[in-house]
């Protein structure tokens, strides 16, 4: 039951959102036991963001919510994949991307909890 929220200071066109959706669907499998089948995605573009006191460059803040836990090497691989795809698709350099992981043991879906 993963959820990925992508907030960027840049615009995300409908075409780029479709590409990111496809790429994130594949990338989530880097976390063992996770798949696109239950992946929810959220996009917020044109957000007002600043980094290191400056707000003139493209930035992104990505939150990855997971039911359960994973090994840090899986998160390392997913962070690299996310940074690469945001660079390729939205021209956001990896040093302008933060990725936050949130693990939970309580996750509800379809009227019940896992």
PDB file of N, CA and C in Angstrom:
ATOM      1  N   UNK A   1       0.821  -1.182   0.000  1.00  0.00           N
ATOM      2  CA  UNK A   1       0.000   0.000   0.000  1.00  0.00           C
ATOM      3  C   UNK A   1       0.865   1.247   0.000  1.00  0.00           C
ATOM      4  N   UNK A   2       1.626   1.475  -1.048  1.00  0.00           N
ATOM      5  CA  UNK A   2       2.432   2.692  -1.078  1.00  0.00           C
ATOM      6  C   UNK A   2       1.663   3.885  -1.637  1.00  0.00           C
ATOM      7  N   UNK A   3       2.132   5.055  -1.255  1.00  0.00           N
ATOM      8  CA  UNK A   3       1.610   6.322  -1.765  1.00  0.00           C
ATOM      9  C   UNK A   3       2.805   7.222  -1.983  1.00  0.00           C
ATOM     10  N   UNK A   4       2.890   7.826  -3.159  1.00  0.00           N
ATOM     11  CA  UNK A   4       3.981   8.751  -3.457  1.00  0.00           C
ATOM     12  C   UNK A   4       3.373  10.104  -3.789  1.00  0.00           C
ATOM     13  N   UNK A   5       3.819  11.118  -3.077  1.00  0.00           N
ATOM     14  CA  UNK A   5       3.376  12.483  -3.297  1.00  0.00           C
ATOM     15  C   UNK A   5       4.557  13.283  -3.848  1.00  0.00           C
ATOM     16  N   UNK A   6       4.356  13.927  -4.992  1.00  0.00           N
ATOM     17  CA  UNK A   6       5.414  14.695  -5.646  1.00  0.00           C
ATOM     18  C   UNK A   6       5.001  16.165  -5.680  1.00  0.00           C
ATOM     19  N   UNK A   7       5.774  17.017  -5.032  1.00  0.00           N
ATOM     20  CA  UNK A   7       5.538  18.462  -5.058  1.00  0.00           C
ATOM     21  C   UNK A   7       6.734  19.102  -5.746  1.00  0.00           C
ATOM     22  N   UNK A   8       6.478  19.913  -6.770  1.00  0.00           N
ATOM     23  CA  UNK A   8       7.564  20.546  -7.508  1.00  0.00           C
ATOM     24  C   UNK A   8       7.329  22.048  -7.660  1.00  0.00           C
ATOM     25  N   UNK A   9       8.409  22.761  -7.874  1.00  0.00           N
ATOM     26  CA  UNK A   9       8.306  24.185  -8.171  1.00  0.00           C
ATOM     27  C   UNK A   9       8.092  24.417  -9.661  1.00  0.00           C
ATOM     28  N   UNK A  10       8.173  23.371 -10.435  1.00  0.00           N
ATOM     29  CA  UNK A  10       8.003  23.465 -11.882  1.00  0.00           C
ATOM     30  C   UNK A  10       6.612  22.999 -12.290  1.00  0.00           C
ATOM     31  N   UNK A  11       6.246  23.297 -13.507  1.00  0.00           N
ATOM     32  CA  UNK A  11       4.973  22.818 -14.060  1.00  0.00           C
ATOM     33  C   UNK A  11       5.123  21.358 -14.470  1.00  0.00           C
ATOM     34  N   UNK A  12       4.048  20.607 -14.319  1.00  0.00           N
ATOM     35  CA  UNK A  12       4.008  19.217 -14.783  1.00  0.00           C
ATOM     36  C   UNK A  12       2.882  19.129 -15.807  1.00  0.00           C
ATOM     37  N   UNK A  13       3.251  18.944 -17.062  1.00  0.00           N
ATOM     38  CA  UNK A  13       2.238  18.825 -18.109  1.00  0.00           C
ATOM     39  C   UNK A  13       1.506  17.493 -17.966  1.00  0.00           C
ATOM     40  N   UNK A  14       0.377  17.377 -18.627  1.00  0.00           N
ATOM     41  CA  UNK A  14      -0.385  16.123 -18.616  1.00  0.00           C
ATOM     42  C   UNK A  14       0.485  14.991 -19.161  1.00  0.00           C
ATOM     43  N   UNK A  15       1.260  15.280 -20.191  1.00  0.00           N
ATOM     44  CA  UNK A  15       2.133  14.264 -20.792  1.00  0.00           C
ATOM     45  C   UNK A  15       3.218  13.822 -19.818  1.00  0.00           C
ATOM     46  N   UNK A  16       3.841  14.788 -19.145  1.00  0.00           N
ATOM     47  CA  UNK A  16       4.899  14.454 -18.179  1.00  0.00           C
ATOM     48  C   UNK A  16       4.324  13.713 -16.974  1.00  0.00           C
ATOM     49  N   UNK A  17       3.120  14.082 -16.545  1.00  0.00           N
ATOM     50  CA  UNK A  17       2.489  13.360 -15.445  1.00  0.00           C
ATOM     51  C   UNK A  17       2.261  11.904 -15.817  1.00  0.00           C
ATOM     52  N   UNK A  18       1.838  11.652 -17.028  1.00  0.00           N
ATOM     53  CA  UNK A  18       1.629  10.272 -17.481  1.00  0.00           C
ATOM     54  C   UNK A  18       2.941   9.495 -17.490  1.00  0.00           C
ATOM     55  N   UNK A  19       4.007  10.138 -17.923  1.00  0.00           N
ATOM     56  CA  UNK A  19       5.319   9.480 -17.931  1.00  0.00           C
ATOM     57  C   UNK A  19       5.780   9.206 -16.502  1.00  0.00           C
ATOM     58  N   UNK A  20       5.644  10.193 -15.624  1.00  0.00           N
ATOM     59  CA  UNK A  20       6.034   9.999 -14.221  1.00  0.00           C
ATOM     60  C   UNK A  20       5.204   8.900 -13.574  1.00  0.00           C
ATOM     61  N   UNK A  21       3.927   8.849 -13.882  1.00  0.00           N
ATOM     62  CA  UNK A  21       3.057   7.811 -13.331  1.00  0.00           C
ATOM     63  C   UNK A  21       3.558   6.434 -13.743  1.00  0.00           C
ATOM     64  N   UNK A  22       3.913   6.287 -14.995  1.00  0.00           N
ATOM     65  CA  UNK A  22       4.433   5.005 -15.483  1.00  0.00           C
ATOM     66  C   UNK A  22       5.772   4.664 -14.818  1.00  0.00           C
ATOM     67  N   UNK A  23       6.672   5.639 -14.756  1.00  0.00           N
ATOM     68  CA  UNK A  23       7.995   5.394 -14.179  1.00  0.00           C
ATOM     69  C   UNK A  23       7.925   5.121 -12.670  1.00  0.00           C
ATOM     70  N   UNK A  24       7.091   5.862 -11.962  1.00  0.00           N
ATOM     71  CA  UNK A  24       6.952   5.628 -10.520  1.00  0.00           C
ATOM     72  C   UNK A  24       6.318   4.264 -10.258  1.00  0.00           C
ATOM     73  N   UNK A  25       5.399   3.855 -11.125  1.00  0.00           N
ATOM     74  CA  UNK A  25       4.790   2.529 -11.006  1.00  0.00           C
ATOM     75  C   UNK A  25       5.814   1.414 -11.097  1.00  0.00           C
ATOM     76  N   UNK A  26       6.798   1.602 -11.951  1.00  0.00           N
ATOM     77  CA  UNK A  26       7.881   0.609 -12.066  1.00  0.00           C
ATOM     78  C   UNK A  26       8.869   0.743 -10.912  1.00  0.00           C
ATOM     79  N   UNK A  27       9.181   1.981 -10.544  1.00  0.00           N
ATOM     80  CA  UNK A  27      10.196   2.213  -9.512  1.00  0.00           C
ATOM     81  C   UNK A  27       9.771   1.705  -8.144  1.00  0.00           C
ATOM     82  N   UNK A  28       8.474   1.732  -7.847  1.00  0.00           N
ATOM     83  CA  UNK A  28       8.024   1.301  -6.516  1.00  0.00           C
ATOM     84  C   UNK A  28       8.372  -0.154  -6.253  1.00  0.00           C
ATOM     85  N   UNK A  29       8.562  -0.933  -7.298  1.00  0.00           N
ATOM     86  CA  UNK A  29       8.923  -2.347  -7.128  1.00  0.00           C
ATOM     87  C   UNK A  29      10.345  -2.517  -6.585  1.00  0.00           C
ATOM     88  N   UNK A  30      11.105  -1.431  -6.509  1.00  0.00           N
ATOM     89  CA  UNK A  30      12.427  -1.496  -5.875  1.00  0.00           C
ATOM     90  C   UNK A  30      12.306  -1.767  -4.382  1.00  0.00           C
ATOM     91  N   UNK A  31      11.135  -1.481  -3.820  1.00  0.00           N
ATOM     92  CA  UNK A  31      10.871  -1.824  -2.419  1.00  0.00           C
ATOM     93  C   UNK A  31      10.213  -3.204  -2.422  1.00  0.00           C
ATOM     94  N   UNK A  32      10.856  -4.187  -1.833  1.00  0.00           N
ATOM     95  CA  UNK A  32      10.302  -5.546  -1.842  1.00  0.00           C
ATOM     96  C   UNK A  32       8.865  -5.592  -1.326  1.00  0.00           C
ATOM     97  N   UNK A  33       8.015  -6.286  -2.052  1.00  0.00           N
ATOM     98  CA  UNK A  33       6.631  -6.462  -1.663  1.00  0.00           C
ATOM     99  C   UNK A  33       5.706  -5.346  -2.128  1.00  0.00           C
ATOM    100  N   UNK A  34       6.253  -4.307  -2.746  1.00  0.00           N
ATOM    101  CA  UNK A  34       5.422  -3.195  -3.225  1.00  0.00           C
ATOM    102  C   UNK A  34       5.249  -3.312  -4.740  1.00  0.00           C
ATOM    103  N   UNK A  35       4.076  -2.899  -5.204  1.00  0.00           N
ATOM    104  CA  UNK A  35       3.811  -2.966  -6.639  1.00  0.00           C
ATOM    105  C   UNK A  35       2.925  -1.813  -7.057  1.00  0.00           C
ATOM    106  N   UNK A  36       2.820  -1.634  -8.348  1.00  0.00           N
ATOM    107  CA  UNK A  36       1.974  -0.591  -8.909  1.00  0.00           C
ATOM    108  C   UNK A  36       0.493  -0.869  -8.652  1.00  0.00           C
ATOM    109  N   UNK A  37       0.155  -2.131  -8.396  1.00  0.00           N
ATOM    110  CA  UNK A  37      -1.245  -2.533  -8.242  1.00  0.00           C
ATOM    111  C   UNK A  37      -1.969  -1.757  -7.145  1.00  0.00           C
ATOM    112  N   UNK A  38      -1.253  -1.347  -6.106  1.00  0.00           N
ATOM    113  CA  UNK A  38      -1.881  -0.595  -5.016  1.00  0.00           C
ATOM    114  C   UNK A  38      -1.240   0.774  -4.803  1.00  0.00           C
ATOM    115  N   UNK A  39      -0.485   1.221  -5.777  1.00  0.00           N
ATOM    116  CA  UNK A  39       0.218   2.502  -5.661  1.00  0.00           C
ATOM    117  C   UNK A  39      -0.726   3.666  -5.932  1.00  0.00           C
ATOM    118  N   UNK A  40      -0.773   4.615  -5.005  1.00  0.00           N
ATOM    119  CA  UNK A  40      -1.496   5.865  -5.208  1.00  0.00           C
ATOM    120  C   UNK A  40      -0.465   6.967  -5.407  1.00  0.00           C
ATOM    121  N   UNK A  41      -0.754   7.882  -6.326  1.00  0.00           N
ATOM    122  CA  UNK A  41       0.156   8.981  -6.626  1.00  0.00           C
ATOM    123  C   UNK A  41      -0.572  10.313  -6.473  1.00  0.00           C
ATOM    124  N   UNK A  42       0.186  11.317  -6.066  1.00  0.00           N
ATOM    125  CA  UNK A  42      -0.344  12.669  -5.942  1.00  0.00           C
ATOM    126  C   UNK A  42       0.703  13.621  -6.506  1.00  0.00           C
ATOM    127  N   UNK A  43       0.245  14.592  -7.305  1.00  0.00           N
ATOM    128  CA  UNK A  43       1.146  15.579  -7.892  1.00  0.00           C
ATOM    129  C   UNK A  43       0.686  16.991  -7.526  1.00  0.00           C
ATOM    130  N   UNK A  44       1.632  17.820  -7.155  1.00  0.00           N
ATOM    131  CA  UNK A  44       1.386  19.246  -6.942  1.00  0.00           C
ATOM    132  C   UNK A  44       2.501  19.992  -7.652  1.00  0.00           C
ATOM    133  N   UNK A  45       2.156  20.724  -8.687  1.00  0.00           N
ATOM    134  CA  UNK A  45       3.182  21.463  -9.414  1.00  0.00           C
ATOM    135  C   UNK A  45       3.069  22.953  -9.139  1.00  0.00           C
ATOM    136  N   UNK A  46       4.054  23.680  -9.628  1.00  0.00           N
ATOM    137  CA  UNK A  46       4.117  25.137  -9.461  1.00  0.00           C
ATOM    138  C   UNK A  46       4.046  25.576  -7.993  1.00  0.00           C
ATOM    139  N   UNK A  47       4.575  24.745  -7.098  1.00  0.00           N
ATOM    140  CA  UNK A  47       4.600  25.091  -5.670  1.00  0.00           C
ATOM    141  C   UNK A  47       5.683  26.146  -5.417  1.00  0.00           C
ATOM    142  N   UNK A  48       5.414  27.023  -4.499  1.00  0.00           N
ATOM    143  CA  UNK A  48       6.413  28.008  -4.108  1.00  0.00           C
ATOM    144  C   UNK A  48       7.376  27.326  -3.152  1.00  0.00           C
ATOM    145  N   UNK A  49       8.624  27.182  -3.585  1.00  0.00           N
ATOM    146  CA  UNK A  49       9.616  26.449  -2.815  1.00  0.00           C
ATOM    147  C   UNK A  49      10.934  27.220  -2.807  1.00  0.00           C
ATOM    148  N   UNK A  50      11.718  27.032  -1.754  1.00  0.00           N
ATOM    149  CA  UNK A  50      13.047  27.623  -1.654  1.00  0.00           C
ATOM    150  C   UNK A  50      13.984  26.591  -1.042  1.00  0.00           C
ATOM    151  N   UNK A  51      15.249  26.678  -1.423  1.00  0.00           N
ATOM    152  CA  UNK A  51      16.266  25.783  -0.866  1.00  0.00           C
ATOM    153  C   UNK A  51      17.527  26.603  -0.629  1.00  0.00           C
ATOM    154  N   UNK A  52      18.113  26.465   0.534  1.00  0.00           N
ATOM    155  CA  UNK A  52      19.339  27.176   0.906  1.00  0.00           C
ATOM    156  C   UNK A  52      19.176  28.690   0.753  1.00  0.00           C
ATOM    157  N   UNK A  53      17.983  29.171   1.081  1.00  0.00           N
ATOM    158  CA  UNK A  53      17.723  30.595   1.034  1.00  0.00           C
ATOM    159  C   UNK A  53      17.434  31.152  -0.347  1.00  0.00           C
ATOM    160  N   UNK A  54      17.371  30.288  -1.337  1.00  0.00           N
ATOM    161  CA  UNK A  54      17.134  30.721  -2.716  1.00  0.00           C
ATOM    162  C   UNK A  54      15.875  30.060  -3.253  1.00  0.00           C
ATOM    163  N   UNK A  55      15.144  30.775  -4.081  1.00  0.00           N
ATOM    164  CA  UNK A  55      13.958  30.196  -4.700  1.00  0.00           C
ATOM    165  C   UNK A  55      13.968  30.368  -6.214  1.00  0.00           C
ATOM    166  N   UNK A  56      15.165  30.296  -6.807  1.00  0.00           N
ATOM    167  CA  UNK A  56      15.279  30.530  -8.236  1.00  0.00           C
ATOM    168  C   UNK A  56      15.548  29.273  -9.059  1.00  0.00           C
ATOM    169  N   UNK A  57      15.647  28.131  -8.435  1.00  0.00           N
ATOM    170  CA  UNK A  57      15.919  26.911  -9.185  1.00  0.00           C
ATOM    171  C   UNK A  57      14.782  25.919  -9.090  1.00  0.00           C
ATOM    172  N   UNK A  58      14.752  24.950  -9.996  1.00  0.00           N
ATOM    173  CA  UNK A  58      13.715  23.917  -9.923  1.00  0.00           C
ATOM    174  C   UNK A  58      13.966  22.995  -8.731  1.00  0.00           C
ATOM    175  N   UNK A  59      12.904  22.716  -7.977  1.00  0.00           N
ATOM    176  CA  UNK A  59      12.997  21.907  -6.767  1.00  0.00           C
ATOM    177  C   UNK A  59      11.869  20.888  -6.719  1.00  0.00           C
ATOM    178  N   UNK A  60      12.068  19.848  -5.917  1.00  0.00           N
ATOM    179  CA  UNK A  60      11.009  18.864  -5.687  1.00  0.00           C
ATOM    180  C   UNK A  60      11.138  18.305  -4.275  1.00  0.00           C
ATOM    181  N   UNK A  61       9.987  18.039  -3.693  1.00  0.00           N
ATOM    182  CA  UNK A  61       9.907  17.348  -2.411  1.00  0.00           C
ATOM    183  C   UNK A  61       8.986  16.166  -2.631  1.00  0.00           C
ATOM    184  N   UNK A  62       9.512  14.967  -2.400  1.00  0.00           N
ATOM    185  CA  UNK A  62       8.778  13.735  -2.652  1.00  0.00           C
ATOM    186  C   UNK A  62       8.612  12.993  -1.340  1.00  0.00           C
ATOM    187  N   UNK A  63       7.373  12.586  -1.060  1.00  0.00           N
ATOM    188  CA  UNK A  63       7.101  11.795   0.131  1.00  0.00           C
ATOM    189  C   UNK A  63       6.640  10.410  -0.320  1.00  0.00           C
ATOM    190  N   UNK A  64       7.270   9.387   0.253  1.00  0.00           N
ATOM    191  CA  UNK A  64       6.929   8.006  -0.058  1.00  0.00           C
ATOM    192  C   UNK A  64       6.396   7.375   1.227  1.00  0.00           C
ATOM    193  N   UNK A  65       5.114   7.050   1.211  1.00  0.00           N
ATOM    194  CA  UNK A  65       4.460   6.426   2.360  1.00  0.00           C
ATOM    195  C   UNK A  65       4.375   4.925   2.109  1.00  0.00           C
ATOM    196  N   UNK A  66       4.755   4.127   3.099  1.00  0.00           N
ATOM    197  CA  UNK A  66       4.741   2.678   2.947  1.00  0.00           C
ATOM    198  C   UNK A  66       4.092   2.005   4.147  1.00  0.00           C
ATOM    199  N   UNK A  67       3.301   1.009   3.848  1.00  0.00           N
ATOM    200  CA  UNK A  67       2.768   0.127   4.881  1.00  0.00           C
ATOM    201  C   UNK A  67       3.873  -0.869   5.192  1.00  0.00           C
ATOM    202  N   UNK A  68       4.330  -0.871   6.437  1.00  0.00           N
ATOM    203  CA  UNK A  68       5.439  -1.742   6.815  1.00  0.00           C
ATOM    204  C   UNK A  68       6.768  -1.023   6.646  1.00  0.00           C
ATOM    205  N   UNK A  69       7.828  -1.798   6.647  1.00  0.00           N
ATOM    206  CA  UNK A  69       9.181  -1.251   6.579  1.00  0.00           C
ATOM    207  C   UNK A  69       9.968  -1.928   5.475  1.00  0.00           C
ATOM    208  N   UNK A  70      11.046  -1.293   5.083  1.00  0.00           N
ATOM    209  CA  UNK A  70      11.945  -1.851   4.075  1.00  0.00           C
ATOM    210  C   UNK A  70      13.382  -1.596   4.506  1.00  0.00           C
ATOM    211  N   UNK A  71      14.293  -2.282   3.880  1.00  0.00           N
ATOM    212  CA  UNK A  71      15.715  -2.092   4.141  1.00  0.00           C
ATOM    213  C   UNK A  71      16.167  -0.764   3.527  1.00  0.00           C
ATOM    214  N   UNK A  72      17.163  -0.149   4.125  1.00  0.00           N
ATOM    215  CA  UNK A  72      17.625   1.157   3.650  1.00  0.00           C
ATOM    216  C   UNK A  72      18.184   1.097   2.240  1.00  0.00           C
ATOM    217  N   UNK A  73      18.743  -0.045   1.822  1.00  0.00           N
ATOM    218  CA  UNK A  73      19.268  -0.124   0.459  1.00  0.00           C
ATOM    219  C   UNK A  73      18.152  -0.032  -0.576  1.00  0.00           C
ATOM    220  N   UNK A  74      16.966  -0.527  -0.259  1.00  0.00           N
ATOM    221  CA  UNK A  74      15.822  -0.391  -1.170  1.00  0.00           C
ATOM    222  C   UNK A  74      15.430   1.079  -1.280  1.00  0.00           C
ATOM    223  N   UNK A  75      15.445   1.791  -0.175  1.00  0.00           N
ATOM    224  CA  UNK A  75      15.144   3.217  -0.201  1.00  0.00           C
ATOM    225  C   UNK A  75      16.222   3.977  -0.972  1.00  0.00           C
ATOM    226  N   UNK A  76      17.483   3.572  -0.829  1.00  0.00           N
ATOM    227  CA  UNK A  76      18.570   4.198  -1.588  1.00  0.00           C
ATOM    228  C   UNK A  76      18.324   4.067  -3.091  1.00  0.00           C
ATOM    229  N   UNK A  77      17.936   2.873  -3.516  1.00  0.00           N
ATOM    230  CA  UNK A  77      17.672   2.639  -4.937  1.00  0.00           C
ATOM    231  C   UNK A  77      16.479   3.448  -5.421  1.00  0.00           C
ATOM    232  N   UNK A  78      15.436   3.521  -4.611  1.00  0.00           N
ATOM    233  CA  UNK A  78      14.260   4.279  -5.010  1.00  0.00           C
ATOM    234  C   UNK A  78      14.567   5.775  -5.059  1.00  0.00           C
ATOM    235  N   UNK A  79      15.338   6.273  -4.112  1.00  0.00           N
ATOM    236  CA  UNK A  79      15.727   7.687  -4.140  1.00  0.00           C
ATOM    237  C   UNK A  79      16.486   8.004  -5.422  1.00  0.00           C
ATOM    238  N   UNK A  80      17.435   7.147  -5.790  1.00  0.00           N
ATOM    239  CA  UNK A  80      18.195   7.365  -7.033  1.00  0.00           C
ATOM    240  C   UNK A  80      17.262   7.356  -8.243  1.00  0.00           C
ATOM    241  N   UNK A  81      16.317   6.419  -8.282  1.00  0.00           N
ATOM    242  CA  UNK A  81      15.377   6.337  -9.404  1.00  0.00           C
ATOM    243  C   UNK A  81      14.503   7.585  -9.477  1.00  0.00           C
ATOM    244  N   UNK A  82      14.008   8.043  -8.340  1.00  0.00           N
ATOM    245  CA  UNK A  82      13.165   9.236  -8.303  1.00  0.00           C
ATOM    246  C   UNK A  82      13.954  10.463  -8.765  1.00  0.00           C
ATOM    247  N   UNK A  83      15.160  10.627  -8.251  1.00  0.00           N
ATOM    248  CA  UNK A  83      15.983  11.766  -8.652  1.00  0.00           C
ATOM    249  C   UNK A  83      16.281  11.734 -10.147  1.00  0.00           C
ATOM    250  N   UNK A  84      16.602  10.562 -10.674  1.00  0.00           N
ATOM    251  CA  UNK A  84      16.890  10.444 -12.102  1.00  0.00           C
ATOM    252  C   UNK A  84      15.671  10.780 -12.949  1.00  0.00           C
ATOM    253  N   UNK A  85      14.494  10.270 -12.565  1.00  0.00           N
ATOM    254  CA  UNK A  85      13.309  10.541 -13.391  1.00  0.00           C
ATOM    255  C   UNK A  85      12.896  12.003 -13.314  1.00  0.00           C
ATOM    256  N   UNK A  86      13.031  12.650 -12.162  1.00  0.00           N
ATOM    257  CA  UNK A  86      12.690  14.066 -12.066  1.00  0.00           C
ATOM    258  C   UNK A  86      13.669  14.925 -12.864  1.00  0.00           C
ATOM    259  N   UNK A  87      14.916  14.502 -12.920  1.00  0.00           N
ATOM    260  CA  UNK A  87      15.907  15.199 -13.738  1.00  0.00           C
ATOM    261  C   UNK A  87      15.580  15.013 -15.217  1.00  0.00           C
ATOM    262  N   UNK A  88      15.325  13.775 -15.619  1.00  0.00           N
ATOM    263  CA  UNK A  88      15.034  13.467 -17.023  1.00  0.00           C
ATOM    264  C   UNK A  88      13.748  14.119 -17.513  1.00  0.00           C
ATOM    265  N   UNK A  89      12.702  14.070 -16.709  1.00  0.00           N
ATOM    266  CA  UNK A  89      11.379  14.511 -17.168  1.00  0.00           C
ATOM    267  C   UNK A  89      11.059  15.968 -16.864  1.00  0.00           C
ATOM    268  N   UNK A  90      11.594  16.506 -15.752  1.00  0.00           N
ATOM    269  CA  UNK A  90      11.234  17.865 -15.353  1.00  0.00           C
ATOM    270  C   UNK A  90      12.434  18.805 -15.226  1.00  0.00           C
ATOM    271  N   UNK A  91      13.621  18.311 -15.568  1.00  0.00           N
ATOM    272  CA  UNK A  91      14.861  19.095 -15.500  1.00  0.00           C
ATOM    273  C   UNK A  91      15.140  19.610 -14.084  1.00  0.00           C
ATOM    274  N   UNK A  92      14.776  18.810 -13.090  1.00  0.00           N
ATOM    275  CA  UNK A  92      15.088  19.139 -11.703  1.00  0.00           C
ATOM    276  C   UNK A  92      16.345  18.355 -11.341  1.00  0.00           C
ATOM    277  N   UNK A  93      17.446  19.044 -11.038  1.00  0.00           N
ATOM    278  CA  UNK A  93      18.682  18.318 -10.722  1.00  0.00           C
ATOM    279  C   UNK A  93      18.546  17.533  -9.416  1.00  0.00           C
ATOM    280  N   UNK A  94      19.256  16.430  -9.301  1.00  0.00           N
ATOM    281  CA  UNK A  94      19.176  15.617  -8.080  1.00  0.00           C
ATOM    282  C   UNK A  94      19.460  16.396  -6.798  1.00  0.00           C
ATOM    283  N   UNK A  95      20.319  17.416  -6.869  1.00  0.00           N
ATOM    284  CA  UNK A  95      20.600  18.183  -5.651  1.00  0.00           C
ATOM    285  C   UNK A  95      19.493  19.181  -5.311  1.00  0.00           C
ATOM    286  N   UNK A  96      18.428  19.179  -6.104  1.00  0.00           N
ATOM    287  CA  UNK A  96      17.257  19.981  -5.807  1.00  0.00           C
ATOM    288  C   UNK A  96      16.062  19.137  -5.408  1.00  0.00           C
ATOM    289  N   UNK A  97      16.335  17.872  -5.037  1.00  0.00           N
ATOM    290  CA  UNK A  97      15.262  16.932  -4.696  1.00  0.00           C
ATOM    291  C   UNK A  97      15.474  16.385  -3.290  1.00  0.00           C
ATOM    292  N   UNK A  98      14.453  16.489  -2.475  1.00  0.00           N
ATOM    293  CA  UNK A  98      14.409  15.802  -1.185  1.00  0.00           C
ATOM    294  C   UNK A  98      13.393  14.667  -1.308  1.00  0.00           C
ATOM    295  N   UNK A  99      13.738  13.514  -0.739  1.00  0.00           N
ATOM    296  CA  UNK A  99      12.820  12.375  -0.694  1.00  0.00           C
ATOM    297  C   UNK A  99      12.687  11.961   0.766  1.00  0.00           C
ATOM    298  N   UNK A 100      11.462  11.915   1.230  1.00  0.00           N
ATOM    299  CA  UNK A 100      11.172  11.537   2.620  1.00  0.00           C
ATOM    300  C   UNK A 100      10.395  10.224   2.620  1.00  0.00           C
ATOM    301  N   UNK A 101      10.780   9.312   3.505  1.00  0.00           N
ATOM    302  CA  UNK A 101      10.098   8.021   3.625  1.00  0.00           C
ATOM    303  C   UNK A 101       9.340   7.970   4.939  1.00  0.00           C
ATOM    304  N   UNK A 102       8.100   7.549   4.864  1.00  0.00           N
ATOM    305  CA  UNK A 102       7.250   7.423   6.044  1.00  0.00           C
ATOM    306  C   UNK A 102       6.727   5.998   6.101  1.00  0.00           C
ATOM    307  N   UNK A 103       7.103   5.270   7.133  1.00  0.00           N
ATOM    308  CA  UNK A 103       6.643   3.887   7.314  1.00  0.00           C
ATOM    309  C   UNK A 103       5.533   3.867   8.355  1.00  0.00           C
ATOM    310  N   UNK A 104       4.536   3.020   8.142  1.00  0.00           N
ATOM    311  CA  UNK A 104       3.444   2.916   9.104  1.00  0.00           C
ATOM    312  C   UNK A 104       2.999   1.469   9.250  1.00  0.00           C
ATOM    313  N   UNK A 105       2.514   1.146  10.427  1.00  0.00           N
ATOM    314  CA  UNK A 105       1.962  -0.193  10.659  1.00  0.00           C
ATOM    315  C   UNK A 105       0.446  -0.175  10.559  1.00  0.00           C
ATOM    316  N   UNK A 106      -0.132   1.019  10.475  1.00  0.00           N
ATOM    317  CA  UNK A 106      -1.586   1.154  10.351  1.00  0.00           C
ATOM    318  C   UNK A 106      -1.914   1.777   9.000  1.00  0.00           C
ATOM    319  N   UNK A 107      -2.661   1.043   8.183  1.00  0.00           N
ATOM    320  CA  UNK A 107      -3.007   1.524   6.850  1.00  0.00           C
ATOM    321  C   UNK A 107      -4.405   1.033   6.533  1.00  0.00           C
ATOM    322  N   UNK A 108      -5.286   1.949   6.211  1.00  0.00           N
ATOM    323  CA  UNK A 108      -6.656   1.587   5.881  1.00  0.00           C
ATOM    324  C   UNK A 108      -6.928   1.701   4.396  1.00  0.00           C
ATOM    325  N   UNK A 109      -7.780   0.816   3.910  1.00  0.00           N
ATOM    326  CA  UNK A 109      -8.195   0.836   2.509  1.00  0.00           C
ATOM    327  C   UNK A 109      -9.479   0.033   2.371  1.00  0.00           C
ATOM    328  N   UNK A 110     -10.364   0.520   1.581  1.00  0.00           N
ATOM    329  CA  UNK A 110     -11.576  -0.204   1.246  1.00  0.00           C
ATOM    330  C   UNK A 110     -12.416  -0.529   2.480  1.00  0.00           C
ATOM    331  N   UNK A 111     -12.464   0.404   3.419  1.00  0.00           N
ATOM    332  CA  UNK A 111     -13.302   0.231   4.611  1.00  0.00           C
ATOM    333  C   UNK A 111     -12.714  -0.592   5.728  1.00  0.00           C
ATOM    334  N   UNK A 112     -11.437  -0.982   5.615  1.00  0.00           N
ATOM    335  CA  UNK A 112     -10.813  -1.765   6.689  1.00  0.00           C
ATOM    336  C   UNK A 112      -9.326  -1.448   6.755  1.00  0.00           C
ATOM    337  N   UNK A 113      -8.691  -1.943   7.803  1.00  0.00           N
ATOM    338  CA  UNK A 113      -7.252  -1.749   7.988  1.00  0.00           C
ATOM    339  C   UNK A 113      -6.515  -3.062   7.766  1.00  0.00           C
ATOM    340  N   UNK A 114      -5.297  -2.913   7.330  1.00  0.00           N
ATOM    341  CA  UNK A 114      -4.440  -4.092   7.139  1.00  0.00           C
ATOM    342  C   UNK A 114      -3.790  -4.487   8.445  1.00  0.00           C
TER     343      UNK A 114
END
